[in-house]
Amino acid sequence: MNESSGRARRPTIADVARRAGVSTVTVTRVFDRSARVSPERERRVREAVEELGYFGNGAASSLVSGRFSTVGVIASDTLSFGYAKSLAGIEDAAREARMAVLISVAEGVEPDLVRSTVALVLGQSPAGVIVLDYDEIGSAVLAALPAYVPVVAVSPATGPRVDRPYVAIDEYTGGRMAARHLLDLGHRTIHLVAPPNYGVETRTRGVRDEVQEAGAEIGSVVRAREWSSGAGREAMDELLAGSTSPVTAVFCGNDEIALGVYQSLRAHGLRIPEDVSVVGFDDNPVADFSYPRLTTVDQDFMLVGRHAFGLLERCIAAFEEEEAEVPAAAAIVPELRVRDSTAPPRPGSTPPRSG
């Protein structure tokens, strides 16, 4: 640990050797699985590695130059819209900075899986790491990263579950925007097809607060089992079957869920937006090509990725300067995209209900 700054220092092979009471040659032999190391010395080396959080030396070029030209990115998913666009933004910004990006997919929250992911990334000695903390796996990885590594989380606006700098879209404000739009159209009851339960679900909380402060009502609330159109249809079927009030406006946890809500409404003889207004979240490209075109909250994931890389650059500089203050957080406010799926409730009419 640096005595002047109090910041944790990245351990070296020499630190491992001192902790284990052996030479650096012995440590190298353990890593190389050499038969010339006694079981007792190997045990001490492996214990020292575990205690120090040592993950290897990385590329030879980094060792020679003293500069690190790679950043690590850890996520549980690289294909879903939000993950993929965030990764694209990180890669764009890294390319401009002439740095490479090492992407690793974390497969679960079990300690062995988390540690193997962390070891794989840190074994390449990246300059820093960005974690897409969009789910439980991201949170588990974030908590496992040692303090000597500059780390930035991409998290909900409430911040990550551990004390790390982070970039977020202000989902809470986005939820309020969506609710305000429906209220301004004249809807007095808003029903929710909420996203899967994970941590503090800020977008739904934003809808609730806006509706309640306006003196309007939250109707039925059904949580989709996953971020998919199939789960959205199932949830909307359940909502229509159990609602005790007419359904004229529905807020959906994301755009794919909203497309499943479309399917359910049509199967029950309800028109969009004549009978029911629908709002999504994310501004997935499918929103602009759905019929009718979906009103949604635009989360600029590309911008989030670029901001995350920029924040990581500042964190890396702060670690190198030792005395510099590590930046804390940055939040991005989303935008409402009004399209064709929302309209005022029809005066004096009650939408048909399923039997």
Protein backbone atom coordinates (compact mmCIF):
# COMPACT_ATOMS: atom_id res chain seq x y z
CA MET A 1 0.00 0.00 0.00
CA ASN A 2 1.30 3.47 -0.83
CA GLU A 3 1.88 5.21 2.51
CA SER A 4 1.18 8.73 1.23
CA SER A 5 -2.06 8.00 -0.58
CA GLY A 6 -3.35 4.97 1.33
CA ARG A 7 -4.20 3.37 -2.04
CA ALA A 8 -3.67 -0.36 -2.52
CA ARG A 9 -0.70 -1.30 -4.72
CA ARG A 10 -0.71 -3.94 -7.46
CA PRO A 11 1.28 -6.91 -6.07
CA THR A 12 4.27 -8.23 -7.99
CA ILE A 13 5.98 -11.58 -8.25
CA ALA A 14 8.53 -10.25 -5.76
CA ASP A 15 5.74 -9.60 -3.25
CA VAL A 16 4.57 -13.20 -3.64
CA ALA A 17 8.11 -14.45 -3.08
CA ARG A 18 8.54 -12.37 0.08
CA ARG A 19 5.19 -13.47 1.49
CA ALA A 20 5.96 -17.13 0.80
CA GLY A 21 9.57 -16.90 2.03
CA VAL A 22 11.00 -18.19 -1.26
CA SER A 23 12.89 -16.81 -4.26
CA THR A 24 11.20 -15.31 -7.34
CA VAL A 25 12.65 -18.24 -9.31
CA THR A 26 10.70 -20.63 -7.08
CA VAL A 27 7.49 -18.64 -7.65
CA THR A 28 8.05 -18.81 -11.40
CA ARG A 29 8.60 -22.56 -11.21
CA VAL A 30 5.32 -22.96 -9.33
CA PHE A 31 3.53 -21.04 -12.07
CA ASP A 32 5.26 -23.19 -14.69
CA ARG A 33 4.24 -26.35 -12.76
CA SER A 34 7.86 -27.37 -12.39
CA ALA A 35 8.55 -30.69 -10.65
CA ARG A 36 11.61 -29.12 -9.00
CA VAL A 37 9.48 -27.34 -6.35
CA SER A 38 8.70 -29.17 -3.11
CA PRO A 39 5.03 -29.56 -2.12
CA GLU A 40 5.61 -27.38 0.97
CA ARG A 41 7.07 -24.49 -1.04
CA GLU A 42 4.33 -24.80 -3.63
CA ARG A 43 1.72 -24.63 -0.87
CA ARG A 44 3.30 -21.45 0.57
CA VAL A 45 3.45 -19.81 -2.85
CA ARG A 46 -0.19 -20.59 -3.63
CA GLU A 47 -1.29 -19.28 -0.23
CA ALA A 48 0.66 -16.07 -0.85
CA VAL A 49 -0.95 -15.70 -4.27
CA GLU A 50 -4.39 -16.07 -2.72
CA GLU A 51 -3.69 -13.66 0.15
CA LEU A 52 -2.21 -10.95 -2.07
CA GLY A 53 -4.73 -11.27 -4.89
CA TYR A 54 -1.93 -11.79 -7.41
CA PHE A 55 -3.06 -12.71 -10.93
CA GLY A 56 0.11 -12.76 -13.03
CA ASN A 57 2.37 -10.51 -15.02
CA GLY A 58 0.60 -10.10 -18.35
CA ALA A 59 2.18 -9.41 -21.70
CA ALA A 60 5.94 -8.99 -22.02
CA SER A 61 5.55 -5.70 -23.84
CA SER A 62 3.80 -4.22 -20.84
CA LEU A 63 6.60 -5.39 -18.59
CA VAL A 64 9.28 -3.86 -20.80
CA SER A 65 7.58 -0.53 -21.45
CA GLY A 66 5.99 -0.11 -18.04
CA ARG A 67 2.77 0.94 -19.82
CA PHE A 68 -0.44 -1.04 -20.09
CA SER A 69 -2.21 -0.91 -23.45
CA THR A 70 -5.23 -3.11 -22.70
CA VAL A 71 -8.42 -2.58 -20.73
CA GLY A 72 -10.54 -5.48 -19.54
CA VAL A 73 -14.32 -5.60 -19.79
CA ILE A 74 -16.33 -8.19 -17.87
CA ALA A 75 -20.01 -8.87 -18.58
CA SER A 76 -22.43 -11.76 -18.27
CA ASP A 77 -23.81 -11.18 -21.78
CA THR A 78 -22.46 -9.74 -25.04
CA LEU A 79 -25.48 -10.23 -27.30
CA SER A 80 -28.43 -8.50 -25.63
CA PHE A 81 -29.06 -4.95 -26.79
CA GLY A 82 -27.90 -2.97 -23.75
CA TYR A 83 -24.79 -5.10 -23.22
CA ALA A 84 -23.78 -5.10 -26.89
CA LYS A 85 -24.20 -1.34 -27.34
CA SER A 86 -22.31 -0.58 -24.12
CA LEU A 87 -19.45 -2.79 -25.31
CA ALA A 88 -19.46 -1.05 -28.70
CA GLY A 89 -19.16 2.33 -27.00
CA ILE A 90 -16.24 1.12 -24.87
CA GLU A 91 -14.47 -0.31 -27.90
CA ASP A 92 -14.95 2.88 -29.93
CA ALA A 93 -13.46 5.03 -27.18
CA ALA A 94 -10.60 2.57 -26.57
CA ARG A 95 -9.74 2.50 -30.27
CA GLU A 96 -9.46 6.28 -30.31
CA ALA A 97 -7.12 6.03 -27.32
CA ARG A 98 -5.08 3.36 -29.15
CA MET A 99 -5.87 0.74 -26.54
CA ALA A 100 -7.09 -2.81 -26.97
CA VAL A 101 -10.15 -4.26 -25.22
CA LEU A 102 -10.20 -7.71 -23.66
CA ILE A 103 -13.80 -8.88 -23.20
CA SER A 104 -14.54 -11.76 -20.84
CA VAL A 105 -17.96 -13.31 -20.29
CA ALA A 106 -18.68 -14.26 -16.66
CA GLU A 107 -20.82 -17.37 -16.49
CA GLY A 108 -22.19 -17.37 -12.95
CA VAL A 109 -22.08 -16.08 -9.39
CA GLU A 110 -20.42 -19.15 -7.90
CA PRO A 111 -17.07 -18.18 -6.29
CA ASP A 112 -15.00 -20.49 -8.51
CA LEU A 113 -16.56 -19.08 -11.69
CA VAL A 114 -16.12 -15.50 -10.52
CA ARG A 115 -12.51 -16.06 -9.52
CA SER A 116 -11.63 -17.77 -12.81
CA THR A 117 -13.08 -14.83 -14.74
CA VAL A 118 -11.17 -12.30 -12.65
CA ALA A 119 -7.96 -14.35 -12.97
CA LEU A 120 -8.34 -14.60 -16.75
CA VAL A 121 -8.67 -10.84 -17.14
CA LEU A 122 -6.16 -9.67 -14.55
CA GLY A 123 -3.65 -12.27 -15.74
CA GLN A 124 -3.26 -10.06 -18.82
CA SER A 125 -2.29 -7.07 -16.64
CA PRO A 126 -4.87 -4.64 -18.04
CA ALA A 127 -4.53 -0.97 -17.24
CA GLY A 128 -8.00 -1.16 -15.70
CA VAL A 129 -11.31 -3.00 -15.87
CA ILE A 130 -14.89 -2.04 -16.73
CA VAL A 131 -17.67 -4.24 -15.33
CA LEU A 132 -21.17 -4.19 -16.81
CA ASP A 133 -23.00 -4.45 -13.50
CA TYR A 134 -26.41 -5.05 -15.07
CA ASP A 135 -27.18 -8.23 -13.11
CA GLU A 136 -26.18 -10.43 -10.19
CA ILE A 137 -23.18 -11.84 -12.06
CA GLY A 138 -21.78 -8.38 -12.73
CA SER A 139 -22.15 -7.47 -9.06
CA ALA A 140 -20.35 -10.64 -7.96
CA VAL A 141 -17.43 -9.95 -10.29
CA LEU A 142 -17.25 -6.33 -9.22
CA ALA A 143 -16.96 -7.30 -5.57
CA ALA A 144 -14.17 -9.79 -6.36
CA LEU A 145 -11.85 -7.35 -8.13
CA PRO A 146 -8.89 -6.35 -5.93
CA ALA A 147 -8.46 -2.76 -4.75
CA TYR A 148 -5.18 -2.24 -6.60
CA VAL A 149 -6.93 -2.40 -9.99
CA PRO A 150 -8.59 0.72 -11.42
CA VAL A 151 -12.21 -0.33 -11.95
CA VAL A 152 -15.30 1.40 -13.32
CA ALA A 153 -18.79 -0.09 -13.09
CA VAL A 154 -21.64 0.51 -15.50
CA SER A 155 -24.62 0.32 -13.16
CA PRO A 156 -28.14 1.57 -12.45
CA ALA A 157 -28.22 5.18 -11.31
CA THR A 158 -28.33 4.01 -7.69
CA GLY A 159 -24.75 2.85 -8.16
CA PRO A 160 -23.00 -0.50 -7.86
CA ARG A 161 -23.21 -2.68 -4.77
CA VAL A 162 -19.56 -1.97 -3.92
CA ASP A 163 -17.73 1.33 -3.63
CA ARG A 164 -16.35 1.83 -7.15
CA PRO A 165 -16.56 4.72 -9.63
CA TYR A 166 -19.48 4.15 -11.98
CA VAL A 167 -21.36 5.43 -15.00
CA ALA A 168 -25.12 5.03 -15.22
CA ILE A 169 -28.17 6.07 -17.11
CA ASP A 170 -30.64 7.74 -14.76
CA GLU A 171 -33.33 5.09 -15.15
CA TYR A 172 -35.38 6.60 -12.35
CA THR A 173 -35.80 9.86 -14.28
CA GLY A 174 -36.53 7.83 -17.41
CA GLY A 175 -39.37 6.07 -15.61
CA ARG A 176 -40.78 9.40 -14.49
CA MET A 177 -40.60 10.69 -18.08
CA ALA A 178 -42.59 7.72 -19.35
CA ALA A 179 -45.25 8.11 -16.66
CA ARG A 180 -45.50 11.89 -17.18
CA HIS A 181 -46.10 11.33 -20.90
CA LEU A 182 -49.01 8.98 -20.20
CA LEU A 183 -50.43 11.30 -17.54
CA ASP A 184 -50.22 14.29 -19.88
CA LEU A 185 -52.21 12.31 -22.44
CA GLY A 186 -54.97 11.98 -19.84
CA HIS A 187 -54.49 8.45 -18.50
CA ARG A 188 -55.32 8.28 -14.78
CA THR A 189 -54.38 4.64 -14.16
CA ILE A 190 -51.10 3.15 -15.37
CA HIS A 191 -50.50 -0.58 -15.29
CA LEU A 192 -46.99 -2.06 -15.10
CA VAL A 193 -45.37 -5.02 -16.80
CA ALA A 194 -42.21 -4.71 -14.75
CA PRO A 195 -38.79 -6.17 -15.62
CA PRO A 196 -37.26 -9.19 -13.85
CA ASN A 197 -36.51 -8.59 -10.19
CA TYR A 198 -32.90 -7.53 -9.65
CA GLY A 199 -31.70 -5.22 -6.92
CA VAL A 200 -33.33 -1.79 -6.84
CA GLU A 201 -35.50 -1.57 -9.92
CA THR A 202 -35.25 2.17 -10.54
CA ARG A 203 -37.22 2.57 -13.75
CA THR A 204 -40.40 1.12 -12.22
CA ARG A 205 -39.88 3.15 -9.07
CA GLY A 206 -39.72 6.29 -11.20
CA VAL A 207 -43.08 5.45 -12.76
CA ARG A 208 -44.66 4.79 -9.38
CA ASP A 209 -43.43 8.04 -7.86
CA GLU A 210 -44.54 10.19 -10.79
CA VAL A 211 -48.00 8.62 -10.85
CA GLN A 212 -48.52 8.85 -7.12
CA GLU A 213 -47.32 12.45 -6.91
CA ALA A 214 -49.79 13.35 -9.66
CA GLY A 215 -52.66 11.90 -7.64
CA ALA A 216 -53.24 9.18 -10.24
CA GLU A 217 -53.23 5.42 -9.68
CA ILE A 218 -50.94 2.49 -10.26
CA GLY A 219 -53.06 -0.36 -11.54
CA SER A 220 -52.03 -4.00 -11.75
CA VAL A 221 -48.31 -4.81 -11.51
CA VAL A 222 -46.97 -8.02 -13.03
CA ARG A 223 -43.25 -8.76 -13.25
CA ALA A 224 -41.93 -10.45 -16.40
CA ARG A 225 -39.81 -13.52 -15.68
CA GLU A 226 -37.09 -12.36 -18.12
CA TRP A 227 -36.24 -9.58 -20.59
CA SER A 228 -38.04 -11.11 -23.57
CA SER A 229 -41.15 -10.72 -25.69
CA GLY A 230 -42.37 -14.18 -24.66
CA ALA A 231 -42.18 -13.20 -21.00
CA GLY A 232 -43.91 -9.91 -21.84
CA ARG A 233 -46.82 -11.70 -23.44
CA GLU A 234 -47.21 -14.06 -20.50
CA ALA A 235 -47.11 -11.18 -18.04
CA MET A 236 -49.66 -9.15 -19.99
CA ASP A 237 -51.99 -12.14 -20.23
CA GLU A 238 -51.78 -12.42 -16.45
CA LEU A 239 -52.36 -8.69 -15.99
CA LEU A 240 -55.47 -8.67 -18.18
CA ALA A 241 -56.87 -11.73 -16.41
CA GLY A 242 -56.38 -10.24 -12.96
CA SER A 243 -56.96 -6.52 -13.40
CA THR A 244 -59.95 -5.08 -11.59
CA SER A 245 -59.92 -1.85 -13.61
CA PRO A 246 -59.97 -1.13 -17.36
CA VAL A 247 -56.52 -1.15 -18.91
CA THR A 248 -55.80 1.96 -20.99
CA ALA A 249 -52.06 2.50 -20.41
CA VAL A 250 -49.17 0.08 -19.81
CA PHE A 251 -45.55 0.80 -18.95
CA CYS A 252 -43.17 -2.03 -19.91
CA GLY A 253 -39.79 -2.88 -18.40
CA ASN A 254 -38.07 -2.82 -21.78
CA ASP A 255 -38.89 -2.80 -25.49
CA GLU A 256 -38.76 -6.56 -25.98
CA ILE A 257 -41.24 -7.01 -23.15
CA ALA A 258 -43.39 -4.34 -24.83
CA LEU A 259 -43.50 -6.37 -28.06
CA GLY A 260 -44.85 -9.31 -26.09
CA VAL A 261 -47.44 -6.96 -24.56
CA TYR A 262 -48.43 -6.02 -28.12
CA GLN A 263 -49.06 -9.70 -28.88
CA SER A 264 -51.16 -10.21 -25.77
CA LEU A 265 -53.28 -7.12 -26.35
CA ARG A 266 -54.04 -8.08 -29.94
CA ALA A 267 -54.91 -11.63 -28.90
CA HIS A 268 -57.50 -10.10 -26.50
CA GLY A 269 -59.00 -7.88 -29.19
CA LEU A 270 -57.41 -4.66 -27.97
CA ARG A 271 -55.96 -2.04 -30.32
CA ILE A 272 -52.78 -0.02 -29.84
CA PRO A 273 -53.04 2.89 -29.12
CA GLU A 274 -56.80 3.29 -29.64
CA ASP A 275 -57.67 1.08 -26.68
CA VAL A 276 -54.36 0.75 -24.83
CA SER A 277 -51.28 2.98 -24.90
CA VAL A 278 -47.95 1.19 -24.48
CA VAL A 279 -44.56 2.62 -23.47
CA GLY A 280 -41.28 0.70 -23.53
CA PHE A 281 -37.77 1.34 -22.26
CA ASP A 282 -34.29 1.27 -23.90
CA ASP A 283 -35.03 2.39 -27.51
CA ASN A 284 -33.97 -0.93 -28.96
CA PRO A 285 -33.94 -0.72 -32.81
CA VAL A 286 -37.05 -2.95 -32.82
CA ALA A 287 -39.00 -0.06 -31.26
CA ASP A 288 -38.82 2.02 -34.42
CA PHE A 289 -39.79 -0.91 -36.65
CA SER A 290 -42.66 -2.32 -34.60
CA TYR A 291 -46.28 -1.68 -35.57
CA PRO A 292 -47.30 0.72 -34.30
CA ARG A 293 -43.90 2.30 -33.72
CA LEU A 294 -43.20 2.07 -30.00
CA THR A 295 -42.97 5.08 -27.71
CA THR A 296 -39.99 4.41 -25.45
CA VAL A 297 -37.26 5.84 -23.23
CA ASP A 298 -33.96 6.12 -25.07
CA GLN A 299 -30.98 4.85 -23.08
CA ASP A 300 -27.90 5.78 -25.09
CA PHE A 301 -25.84 2.72 -24.27
CA MET A 302 -23.13 3.71 -26.75
CA LEU A 303 -22.66 6.97 -24.88
CA VAL A 304 -22.60 5.09 -21.57
CA GLY A 305 -19.81 2.86 -22.89
CA ARG A 306 -17.79 5.85 -24.07
CA HIS A 307 -18.27 7.62 -20.74
CA ALA A 308 -17.22 4.46 -18.88
CA PHE A 309 -13.97 4.30 -20.82
CA GLY A 310 -13.33 8.00 -20.25
CA LEU A 311 -13.93 7.59 -16.52
CA LEU A 312 -11.60 4.58 -16.45
CA GLU A 313 -8.86 6.64 -18.12
CA ARG A 314 -9.18 9.19 -15.32
CA CYS A 315 -9.06 6.42 -12.71
CA ILE A 316 -5.94 4.94 -14.29
CA ALA A 317 -4.27 8.35 -14.25
CA ALA A 318 -5.27 8.82 -10.61
CA PHE A 319 -3.73 5.47 -9.67
CA GLU A 320 -0.52 6.28 -11.55
CA GLU A 321 -0.23 9.70 -9.91
CA GLU A 322 -0.99 8.12 -6.51
CA GLU A 323 -1.91 11.47 -4.90
CA ALA A 324 -4.72 12.25 -7.34
CA GLU A 325 -8.35 11.83 -6.31
CA VAL A 326 -10.20 8.93 -7.97
CA PRO A 327 -13.35 10.20 -9.75
CA ALA A 328 -16.62 8.93 -8.31
CA ALA A 329 -19.53 8.74 -10.73
CA ALA A 330 -21.27 10.09 -13.80
CA ALA A 331 -24.97 9.83 -14.66
CA ILE A 332 -26.60 10.25 -18.06
CA VAL A 333 -30.21 11.40 -18.38
CA PRO A 334 -32.23 9.45 -20.98
CA GLU A 335 -34.67 10.91 -23.50
CA LEU A 336 -38.30 10.07 -24.26
CA ARG A 337 -38.98 9.00 -27.87
CA VAL A 338 -42.66 9.62 -28.61
CA ARG A 339 -43.88 7.51 -31.51
CA ASP A 340 -47.22 5.91 -32.39
CA SER A 341 -48.05 3.52 -29.54
CA THR A 342 -49.48 6.17 -27.19
CA ALA A 343 -52.60 8.33 -27.44
CA PRO A 344 -55.20 9.93 -25.14
CA PRO A 345 -57.81 7.53 -23.74
CA ARG A 346 -60.96 7.54 -25.85
CA PRO A 347 -63.56 9.87 -24.23
CA GLY A 348 -66.39 8.00 -22.60
CA SER A 349 -65.25 4.61 -23.79
CA THR A 350 -64.12 1.54 -21.90
CA PRO A 351 -61.73 -0.85 -23.62
CA PRO A 352 -63.05 -4.38 -24.14
CA ARG A 353 -61.99 -6.85 -21.47
CA SER A 354 -61.10 -10.50 -21.93
CA GLY A 355 -63.58 -13.01 -20.68
